[in-house]
Structure formats: structure tokens, C-alpha cells
């Protein structure tokens, strides 16, 4: 004799399990209190209260990088958005940014072609640009994720 499966019981248990998982995942998302000091741009990018170093980096970024990487690092038809999780510090370290500016970078994530070296940007300026990008990323939930190949 076959044992009957109690489907309603399993559906109720499944329903509660999905609810618990959803609540757990939601607890990792920023809440209203976490973003109270942020201003949203037209493109939906949250702008934090930048440090002094990042404010200088923002100006340097606009002068040297925004033509390809877009305002607030949102990307253009010429270059990728640095406001993307692929550019989190665990995948593209600060050193990767220094090397890209110094040596250029081969196309590897996006179909924009190779990035040329930017010899007009000093390493001190790159440090400020990186600070700007990292603070902007952090304000928009882009955090360190260990890179796995």
C-alpha cells in the first residue's frame, strides 16, 4: 500500500521557508536609515557625502575619465561603468586601477575595446580618483567580494 503524501503540510512548510529566506536576504539590503545622507542622481546613482580626497578625485575623474566611463562612473558607449559589481575591490583591486591608468588595459569584460594608458594622470591623482570611485561604489552597495575563477 502506497503512503499518501500530505501536500498541504508540505506547501505550508515551503511557504514559511521561502518567507524566512526572503526576510534573511532583505536584512542585507540597505535600509532607509543607511541611505539617509545620500542624494540620488537622475540615473539613480546615490551620491554620498564625499571625503575631501574623494571630492578632488571626482573633479579629476570628470576631467580625465568621464568621457569614456561616464558621469558618476555610469559608463558610456565608449567605456564601461565603474559603478558595476565587476569592479568591486575583490575583483578589480586599487592596484588594477593604477595599472590600467599607467599601462592601459586589454578589453576583457566589455566590448568597448582596449583602454589606452593615461600618462597625463599622476599616481597621486589616481589615488584620489580611486577614493572617489570606491566611496561612490560603497554608497551604491558595491562592496568587496572575493574573486573566484
C-alpha atoms as a PDB file:
ATOM      1  CA  UNK A   1       0.000   0.000   0.000  1.00  0.00           C
ATOM      2  CA  UNK A   2       1.295   3.423  -1.013  1.00  0.00           C
ATOM      3  CA  UNK A   3       1.614   6.084   1.640  1.00  0.00           C
ATOM      4  CA  UNK A   4      -0.272   9.295   0.854  1.00  0.00           C
ATOM      5  CA  UNK A   5       1.787  12.479   0.712  1.00  0.00           C
ATOM      6  CA  UNK A   6       0.374  15.286   2.803  1.00  0.00           C
ATOM      7  CA  UNK A   7       0.721  18.042   0.175  1.00  0.00           C
ATOM      8  CA  UNK A   8      -0.959  20.830   2.173  1.00  0.00           C
ATOM      9  CA  UNK A   9       1.504  20.260   5.016  1.00  0.00           C
ATOM     10  CA  UNK A  10       4.497  20.495   2.662  1.00  0.00           C
ATOM     11  CA  UNK A  11       3.096  23.571   0.921  1.00  0.00           C
ATOM     12  CA  UNK A  12       2.685  25.391   4.246  1.00  0.00           C
ATOM     13  CA  UNK A  13       6.218  24.443   5.317  1.00  0.00           C
ATOM     14  CA  UNK A  14       7.586  25.544   1.917  1.00  0.00           C
ATOM     15  CA  UNK A  15       5.715  28.828   2.097  1.00  0.00           C
ATOM     16  CA  UNK A  16       7.201  29.632   5.506  1.00  0.00           C
ATOM     17  CA  UNK A  17      10.687  28.567   4.400  1.00  0.00           C
ATOM     18  CA  UNK A  18      10.553  30.931   1.416  1.00  0.00           C
ATOM     19  CA  UNK A  19       9.359  33.750   3.703  1.00  0.00           C
ATOM     20  CA  UNK A  20      12.214  33.198   6.145  1.00  0.00           C
ATOM     21  CA  UNK A  21      14.766  33.143   3.326  1.00  0.00           C
ATOM     22  CA  UNK A  22      13.329  36.356   1.844  1.00  0.00           C
ATOM     23  CA  UNK A  23      13.421  38.134   5.213  1.00  0.00           C
ATOM     24  CA  UNK A  24      17.009  36.994   5.772  1.00  0.00           C
ATOM     25  CA  UNK A  25      18.159  38.236   2.366  1.00  0.00           C
ATOM     26  CA  UNK A  26      16.300  41.516   2.837  1.00  0.00           C
ATOM     27  CA  UNK A  27      18.217  42.161   6.047  1.00  0.00           C
ATOM     28  CA  UNK A  28      21.405  42.512   3.963  1.00  0.00           C
ATOM     29  CA  UNK A  29      19.949  45.289   1.799  1.00  0.00           C
ATOM     30  CA  UNK A  30      20.461  48.905   2.856  1.00  0.00           C
ATOM     31  CA  UNK A  31      17.502  50.368   4.710  1.00  0.00           C
ATOM     32  CA  UNK A  32      16.228  53.937   4.730  1.00  0.00           C
ATOM     33  CA  UNK A  33      18.478  54.804   7.663  1.00  0.00           C
ATOM     34  CA  UNK A  34      21.524  53.541   5.757  1.00  0.00           C
ATOM     35  CA  UNK A  35      20.957  55.910   2.854  1.00  0.00           C
ATOM     36  CA  UNK A  36      19.611  58.993   4.623  1.00  0.00           C
ATOM     37  CA  UNK A  37      22.715  61.056   3.782  1.00  0.00           C
ATOM     38  CA  UNK A  38      22.653  60.146   0.102  1.00  0.00           C
ATOM     39  CA  UNK A  39      21.418  62.179  -2.817  1.00  0.00           C
ATOM     40  CA  UNK A  40      20.136  60.321  -5.880  1.00  0.00           C
ATOM     41  CA  UNK A  41      21.139  61.438  -9.374  1.00  0.00           C
ATOM     42  CA  UNK A  42      18.869  61.310 -12.420  1.00  0.00           C
ATOM     43  CA  UNK A  43      20.473  57.968 -13.297  1.00  0.00           C
ATOM     44  CA  UNK A  44      19.603  56.557  -9.865  1.00  0.00           C
ATOM     45  CA  UNK A  45      23.151  56.676  -8.509  1.00  0.00           C
ATOM     46  CA  UNK A  46      23.371  57.559  -4.830  1.00  0.00           C
ATOM     47  CA  UNK A  47      25.864  60.317  -4.089  1.00  0.00           C
ATOM     48  CA  UNK A  48      27.340  60.167  -0.590  1.00  0.00           C
ATOM     49  CA  UNK A  49      28.891  62.972   1.399  1.00  0.00           C
ATOM     50  CA  UNK A  50      32.347  62.557  -0.117  1.00  0.00           C
ATOM     51  CA  UNK A  51      35.584  62.893   1.812  1.00  0.00           C
ATOM     52  CA  UNK A  52      37.844  65.793   0.773  1.00  0.00           C
ATOM     53  CA  UNK A  53      40.124  63.381  -1.089  1.00  0.00           C
ATOM     54  CA  UNK A  54      37.146  61.910  -2.978  1.00  0.00           C
ATOM     55  CA  UNK A  55      35.842  65.390  -3.890  1.00  0.00           C
ATOM     56  CA  UNK A  56      39.190  66.111  -5.550  1.00  0.00           C
ATOM     57  CA  UNK A  57      39.004  62.657  -7.150  1.00  0.00           C
ATOM     58  CA  UNK A  58      35.557  63.491  -8.517  1.00  0.00           C
ATOM     59  CA  UNK A  59      36.944  66.582 -10.276  1.00  0.00           C
ATOM     60  CA  UNK A  60      39.901  64.600 -11.619  1.00  0.00           C
ATOM     61  CA  UNK A  61      37.590  61.800 -12.759  1.00  0.00           C
ATOM     62  CA  UNK A  62      35.372  64.289 -14.599  1.00  0.00           C
ATOM     63  CA  UNK A  63      38.416  65.789 -16.358  1.00  0.00           C
ATOM     64  CA  UNK A  64      40.171  62.534 -17.260  1.00  0.00           C
ATOM     65  CA  UNK A  65      37.781  59.580 -17.120  1.00  0.00           C
ATOM     66  CA  UNK A  66      34.153  60.634 -17.547  1.00  0.00           C
ATOM     67  CA  UNK A  67      34.385  60.994 -21.344  1.00  0.00           C
ATOM     68  CA  UNK A  68      34.585  57.192 -21.550  1.00  0.00           C
ATOM     69  CA  UNK A  69      33.387  55.968 -18.142  1.00  0.00           C
ATOM     70  CA  UNK A  70      30.508  58.452 -17.853  1.00  0.00           C
ATOM     71  CA  UNK A  71      29.413  60.930 -15.244  1.00  0.00           C
ATOM     72  CA  UNK A  72      29.357  59.289 -11.815  1.00  0.00           C
ATOM     73  CA  UNK A  73      31.124  56.328 -13.454  1.00  0.00           C
ATOM     74  CA  UNK A  74      27.912  55.045 -15.060  1.00  0.00           C
ATOM     75  CA  UNK A  75      29.552  54.213 -18.399  1.00  0.00           C
ATOM     76  CA  UNK A  76      29.096  55.436 -21.970  1.00  0.00           C
ATOM     77  CA  UNK A  77      29.191  53.923 -25.438  1.00  0.00           C
ATOM     78  CA  UNK A  78      32.989  54.346 -25.277  1.00  0.00           C
ATOM     79  CA  UNK A  79      33.691  52.741 -21.903  1.00  0.00           C
ATOM     80  CA  UNK A  80      32.287  50.539 -19.158  1.00  0.00           C
ATOM     81  CA  UNK A  81      30.533  51.627 -15.984  1.00  0.00           C
ATOM     82  CA  UNK A  82      32.806  51.501 -12.974  1.00  0.00           C
ATOM     83  CA  UNK A  83      29.580  51.526 -10.956  1.00  0.00           C
ATOM     84  CA  UNK A  84      29.177  47.824 -11.637  1.00  0.00           C
ATOM     85  CA  UNK A  85      29.771  44.944  -9.240  1.00  0.00           C
ATOM     86  CA  UNK A  86      32.507  43.550 -11.522  1.00  0.00           C
ATOM     87  CA  UNK A  87      34.655  46.499 -10.372  1.00  0.00           C
ATOM     88  CA  UNK A  88      34.287  45.684  -6.670  1.00  0.00           C
ATOM     89  CA  UNK A  89      37.624  45.774  -4.793  1.00  0.00           C
ATOM     90  CA  UNK A  90      37.805  41.975  -4.627  1.00  0.00           C
ATOM     91  CA  UNK A  91      37.755  41.644  -8.406  1.00  0.00           C
ATOM     92  CA  UNK A  92      39.451  44.869  -9.505  1.00  0.00           C
ATOM     93  CA  UNK A  93      41.747  45.985  -6.728  1.00  0.00           C
ATOM     94  CA  UNK A  94      43.022  49.533  -6.402  1.00  0.00           C
ATOM     95  CA  UNK A  95      46.254  48.274  -7.978  1.00  0.00           C
ATOM     96  CA  UNK A  96      44.302  47.239 -11.084  1.00  0.00           C
ATOM     97  CA  UNK A  97      43.172  50.856 -11.483  1.00  0.00           C
ATOM     98  CA  UNK A  98      46.761  52.123 -11.114  1.00  0.00           C
ATOM     99  CA  UNK A  99      47.965  49.628 -13.723  1.00  0.00           C
ATOM    100  CA  UNK A 100      45.134  50.437 -16.135  1.00  0.00           C
ATOM    101  CA  UNK A 101      45.925  54.151 -15.985  1.00  0.00           C
ATOM    102  CA  UNK A 102      49.684  53.572 -16.274  1.00  0.00           C
ATOM    103  CA  UNK A 103      49.714  50.829 -18.919  1.00  0.00           C
ATOM    104  CA  UNK A 104      46.241  50.776 -20.417  1.00  0.00           C
ATOM    105  CA  UNK A 105      44.049  47.678 -20.201  1.00  0.00           C
ATOM    106  CA  UNK A 106      43.119  44.967 -22.661  1.00  0.00           C
ATOM    107  CA  UNK A 107      39.414  44.503 -23.316  1.00  0.00           C
ATOM    108  CA  UNK A 108      38.254  41.693 -21.050  1.00  0.00           C
ATOM    109  CA  UNK A 109      34.766  42.259 -19.564  1.00  0.00           C
ATOM    110  CA  UNK A 110      33.051  44.534 -22.052  1.00  0.00           C
ATOM    111  CA  UNK A 111      33.014  45.064 -25.841  1.00  0.00           C
ATOM    112  CA  UNK A 112      34.486  48.584 -25.753  1.00  0.00           C
ATOM    113  CA  UNK A 113      37.983  47.765 -26.953  1.00  0.00           C
ATOM    114  CA  UNK A 114      41.262  48.314 -25.168  1.00  0.00           C
ATOM    115  CA  UNK A 115      41.697  51.204 -22.737  1.00  0.00           C
ATOM    116  CA  UNK A 116      44.718  53.334 -23.651  1.00  0.00           C
ATOM    117  CA  UNK A 117      47.220  54.381 -20.995  1.00  0.00           C
ATOM    118  CA  UNK A 118      46.538  57.785 -19.443  1.00  0.00           C
ATOM    119  CA  UNK A 119      50.036  59.268 -18.943  1.00  0.00           C
ATOM    120  CA  UNK A 120      48.644  62.721 -18.093  1.00  0.00           C
ATOM    121  CA  UNK A 121      47.227  61.316 -14.814  1.00  0.00           C
ATOM    122  CA  UNK A 122      49.787  61.035 -11.995  1.00  0.00           C
ATOM    123  CA  UNK A 123      49.747  58.248  -9.408  1.00  0.00           C
ATOM    124  CA  UNK A 124      48.719  60.816  -6.766  1.00  0.00           C
ATOM    125  CA  UNK A 125      45.772  61.795  -8.935  1.00  0.00           C
ATOM    126  CA  UNK A 126      44.869  58.125  -9.497  1.00  0.00           C
ATOM    127  CA  UNK A 127      44.772  57.653  -5.704  1.00  0.00           C
ATOM    128  CA  UNK A 128      42.175  60.432  -5.411  1.00  0.00           C
ATOM    129  CA  UNK A 129      40.162  59.090  -8.365  1.00  0.00           C
ATOM    130  CA  UNK A 130      40.142  55.630  -6.763  1.00  0.00           C
ATOM    131  CA  UNK A 131      38.946  57.130  -3.464  1.00  0.00           C
ATOM    132  CA  UNK A 132      36.092  58.819  -5.367  1.00  0.00           C
ATOM    133  CA  UNK A 133      35.134  55.589  -7.174  1.00  0.00           C
ATOM    134  CA  UNK A 134      35.287  53.469  -4.006  1.00  0.00           C
ATOM    135  CA  UNK A 135      33.168  55.905  -1.974  1.00  0.00           C
ATOM    136  CA  UNK A 136      30.654  56.079  -4.827  1.00  0.00           C
ATOM    137  CA  UNK A 137      30.600  52.276  -5.099  1.00  0.00           C
ATOM    138  CA  UNK A 138      30.163  51.843  -1.353  1.00  0.00           C
ATOM    139  CA  UNK A 139      27.233  54.265  -1.317  1.00  0.00           C
ATOM    140  CA  UNK A 140      25.598  52.146  -4.007  1.00  0.00           C
ATOM    141  CA  UNK A 141      26.107  48.746  -2.383  1.00  0.00           C
ATOM    142  CA  UNK A 142      29.168  47.683  -4.352  1.00  0.00           C
ATOM    143  CA  UNK A 143      31.367  46.082  -1.725  1.00  0.00           C
ATOM    144  CA  UNK A 144      34.327  43.729  -1.616  1.00  0.00           C
ATOM    145  CA  UNK A 145      33.526  40.269  -2.950  1.00  0.00           C
ATOM    146  CA  UNK A 146      36.268  37.679  -3.121  1.00  0.00           C
ATOM    147  CA  UNK A 147      37.076  36.905  -6.744  1.00  0.00           C
ATOM    148  CA  UNK A 148      36.828  33.261  -7.693  1.00  0.00           C
ATOM    149  CA  UNK A 149      37.910  31.851 -11.005  1.00  0.00           C
END
